[in-house]
Amino acid sequence: MTEEANGAAAAEQPQLRMNILAQFVRDMSFENNVALKGLQTADIQPEMQVQVSLDAKKRTQDNQYEVITKFKVVSTNKADNSTLYLLELDYGGIFHVEGVPEDQLHPFLLIECPRQLFPFVRRIVSDVTRDGGFPPFNLEIVDFVALYRNELARRQQSEAEGQMLS
């Protein structure tokens, strides 16, 4: 291809644009079982478990999407497996997205948009756990690509199992 043809092909492709229009906490809950039950903190050996799920939907305005990241952080005591605290956070963003081909929009919304929200989620989790009387918990970086692929594989497997039952 000549340089002119390459330039013309590039000019025909729409430019990718993504703007974060708003961010918000949709829902948050923090249960401090140490304080509620009056547990002694000397014998506590915390073990952390983090679950992440994602959701995205089209809004009524053109090119606008709402993406929700859902985090569940459970801290348990290794000694007796009792729950120390439970933090559930649904954090959302409203995104204006243009120039993404239709077949790539779903992965874009569930990979790139959560990546943009993650630093804010991380800060909230750290602040809430610290303010709740625990050491601040810093979430590890989430691999949203792997999360997306795992969800696709899970859906395909459940569809295949559903077809075998029919």
Protein backbone atom coordinates (compact mmCIF):
# COMPACT_ATOMS: atom_id res chain seq x y z
CA MET A 1 0.00 0.00 0.00
CA THR A 2 1.20 3.48 -0.73
CA GLU A 3 1.51 6.17 1.89
CA GLU A 4 -1.50 7.98 0.38
CA ALA A 5 -3.66 4.84 0.63
CA ASN A 6 -2.53 4.27 4.23
CA GLY A 7 -3.36 7.88 5.11
CA ALA A 8 -6.79 7.67 3.45
CA ALA A 9 -7.60 4.42 5.27
CA ALA A 10 -6.57 5.96 8.58
CA ALA A 11 -8.64 9.06 7.89
CA GLU A 12 -11.75 6.92 7.26
CA GLN A 13 -11.49 5.18 10.62
CA PRO A 14 -13.21 7.17 13.37
CA GLN A 15 -10.98 8.45 16.14
CA LEU A 16 -11.34 6.70 19.46
CA ARG A 17 -12.66 9.07 22.13
CA MET A 18 -13.39 8.24 25.72
CA ASN A 19 -14.33 10.76 28.37
CA ILE A 20 -15.31 10.09 31.96
CA LEU A 21 -18.40 12.23 32.49
CA ALA A 22 -19.02 11.24 36.13
CA GLN A 23 -17.86 8.85 38.84
CA PHE A 24 -19.85 7.77 41.86
CA VAL A 25 -20.26 5.32 44.70
CA ARG A 26 -23.48 3.47 43.92
CA ASP A 27 -23.42 1.39 47.09
CA MET A 28 -20.98 0.77 49.91
CA SER A 29 -21.08 -1.30 53.07
CA PHE A 30 -18.41 -1.84 55.73
CA GLU A 31 -19.00 -4.31 58.53
CA ASN A 32 -16.38 -4.27 61.29
CA ASN A 33 -16.91 -7.56 63.15
CA VAL A 34 -13.94 -6.94 65.45
CA ALA A 35 -15.71 -3.90 66.91
CA LEU A 36 -19.16 -5.51 66.87
CA LYS A 37 -18.06 -8.68 68.69
CA GLY A 38 -15.36 -7.09 70.85
CA LEU A 39 -12.66 -9.46 69.60
CA GLN A 40 -9.14 -9.23 71.01
CA THR A 41 -6.80 -7.96 68.30
CA ALA A 42 -3.67 -9.64 69.71
CA ASP A 43 -4.56 -13.05 68.25
CA ILE A 44 -5.59 -11.82 64.81
CA GLN A 45 -3.81 -13.09 61.71
CA PRO A 46 -5.68 -11.53 58.79
CA GLU A 47 -6.21 -13.27 55.47
CA MET A 48 -7.70 -11.30 52.58
CA GLN A 49 -10.06 -12.39 49.83
CA VAL A 50 -11.14 -10.07 47.00
CA GLN A 51 -13.91 -10.69 44.48
CA VAL A 52 -14.47 -8.42 41.48
CA SER A 53 -17.38 -8.27 39.06
CA LEU A 54 -18.32 -5.83 36.34
CA ASP A 55 -21.44 -4.56 34.67
CA ALA A 56 -22.02 -2.15 31.79
CA LYS A 57 -25.12 -0.78 30.13
CA LYS A 58 -26.03 1.71 27.44
CA ARG A 59 -27.59 4.97 28.58
CA THR A 60 -30.33 6.82 26.71
CA GLN A 61 -27.89 9.49 25.46
CA ASP A 62 -25.88 8.68 22.34
CA ASN A 63 -22.46 7.13 22.98
CA GLN A 64 -22.92 7.12 26.77
CA TYR A 65 -22.45 4.04 28.93
CA GLU A 66 -22.61 3.31 32.64
CA VAL A 67 -19.95 0.94 33.93
CA ILE A 68 -20.13 -0.46 37.48
CA THR A 69 -17.22 -2.18 39.21
CA LYS A 70 -18.20 -4.32 42.18
CA PHE A 71 -15.61 -5.21 44.81
CA LYS A 72 -16.11 -7.50 47.79
CA VAL A 73 -13.22 -7.56 50.27
CA VAL A 74 -13.39 -10.08 53.11
CA SER A 75 -10.77 -10.20 55.85
CA THR A 76 -10.79 -13.35 57.95
CA ASN A 77 -8.69 -14.47 60.90
CA LYS A 78 -6.47 -17.44 59.94
CA ALA A 79 -6.58 -18.76 63.50
CA ASP A 80 -10.34 -19.42 63.67
CA ASN A 81 -11.62 -18.40 60.20
CA SER A 82 -13.85 -15.72 61.74
CA THR A 83 -14.66 -12.66 59.65
CA LEU A 84 -12.81 -9.52 60.74
CA TYR A 85 -14.43 -7.17 58.26
CA LEU A 86 -16.45 -7.17 55.09
CA LEU A 87 -16.31 -4.30 52.60
CA GLU A 88 -18.62 -4.20 49.59
CA LEU A 89 -18.23 -1.36 47.11
CA ASP A 90 -20.11 -0.71 43.87
CA TYR A 91 -18.29 2.12 42.10
CA GLY A 92 -19.50 3.47 38.80
CA GLY A 93 -18.58 5.73 35.99
CA ILE A 94 -20.49 7.35 33.16
CA PHE A 95 -18.43 7.24 29.97
CA HIS A 96 -18.76 8.92 26.61
CA VAL A 97 -17.26 6.50 24.07
CA GLU A 98 -16.92 7.09 20.33
CA GLY A 99 -15.01 5.40 17.54
CA VAL A 100 -14.99 1.88 18.97
CA PRO A 101 -16.19 -0.73 16.46
CA GLU A 102 -19.42 -2.44 17.56
CA ASP A 103 -17.75 -5.86 17.87
CA GLN A 104 -15.11 -4.38 20.23
CA LEU A 105 -17.42 -2.23 22.35
CA HIS A 106 -18.30 -4.89 24.95
CA PRO A 107 -14.67 -5.75 25.82
CA PHE A 108 -13.77 -2.04 25.72
CA LEU A 109 -16.47 -1.19 28.27
CA LEU A 110 -15.54 -4.07 30.59
CA ILE A 111 -11.75 -3.71 30.33
CA GLU A 112 -10.71 -0.14 29.54
CA CYS A 113 -13.41 1.69 31.50
CA PRO A 114 -12.79 -0.26 34.76
CA ARG A 115 -9.06 0.44 34.35
CA GLN A 116 -9.86 4.14 34.47
CA LEU A 117 -11.98 3.73 37.62
CA PHE A 118 -9.60 1.41 39.48
CA PRO A 119 -7.29 4.02 41.09
CA PHE A 120 -10.32 5.67 42.70
CA VAL A 121 -11.68 2.32 43.94
CA ARG A 122 -8.27 1.49 45.38
CA ARG A 123 -8.17 4.76 47.28
CA ILE A 124 -11.69 4.30 48.70
CA VAL A 125 -10.92 0.74 49.88
CA SER A 126 -7.70 1.91 51.52
CA ASP A 127 -9.40 4.85 53.25
CA VAL A 128 -12.42 2.85 54.46
CA THR A 129 -10.35 0.02 55.92
CA ARG A 130 -8.00 2.49 57.62
CA ASP A 131 -10.89 4.58 58.96
CA GLY A 132 -12.51 1.34 60.17
CA GLY A 133 -9.57 0.72 62.51
CA PHE A 134 -7.54 -1.69 60.37
CA PRO A 135 -4.31 -1.24 58.43
CA PRO A 136 -5.16 0.33 55.05
CA PHE A 137 -5.78 -2.40 52.50
CA ASN A 138 -4.24 -1.61 49.12
CA LEU A 139 -5.89 -3.61 46.36
CA GLU A 140 -3.54 -5.38 43.99
CA ILE A 141 -3.78 -4.30 40.36
CA VAL A 142 -6.71 -6.12 38.74
CA ASP A 143 -6.13 -7.80 35.39
CA PHE A 144 -9.39 -6.77 33.71
CA VAL A 145 -8.45 -8.63 30.50
CA ALA A 146 -8.17 -11.94 32.39
CA LEU A 147 -11.36 -11.15 34.32
CA TYR A 148 -13.20 -10.52 31.03
CA ARG A 149 -11.86 -13.73 29.43
CA ASN A 150 -12.77 -15.81 32.50
CA GLU A 151 -16.32 -14.45 32.45
CA LEU A 152 -16.67 -15.25 28.72
CA ALA A 153 -15.40 -18.80 29.35
CA ARG A 154 -17.78 -19.23 32.30
CA ARG A 155 -20.75 -18.08 30.19
CA GLN A 156 -19.82 -20.39 27.31
CA GLN A 157 -19.49 -23.33 29.70
CA SER A 158 -22.85 -22.67 31.35
CA GLU A 159 -24.50 -22.32 27.91
CA ALA A 160 -22.94 -25.63 26.82
CA GLU A 161 -24.14 -27.32 30.02
CA GLY A 162 -27.61 -25.85 29.48
CA GLN A 163 -27.72 -27.28 25.95
CA MET A 164 -26.68 -30.73 27.20
CA LEU A 165 -29.54 -30.72 29.72
CA SER A 166 -32.09 -29.90 27.01
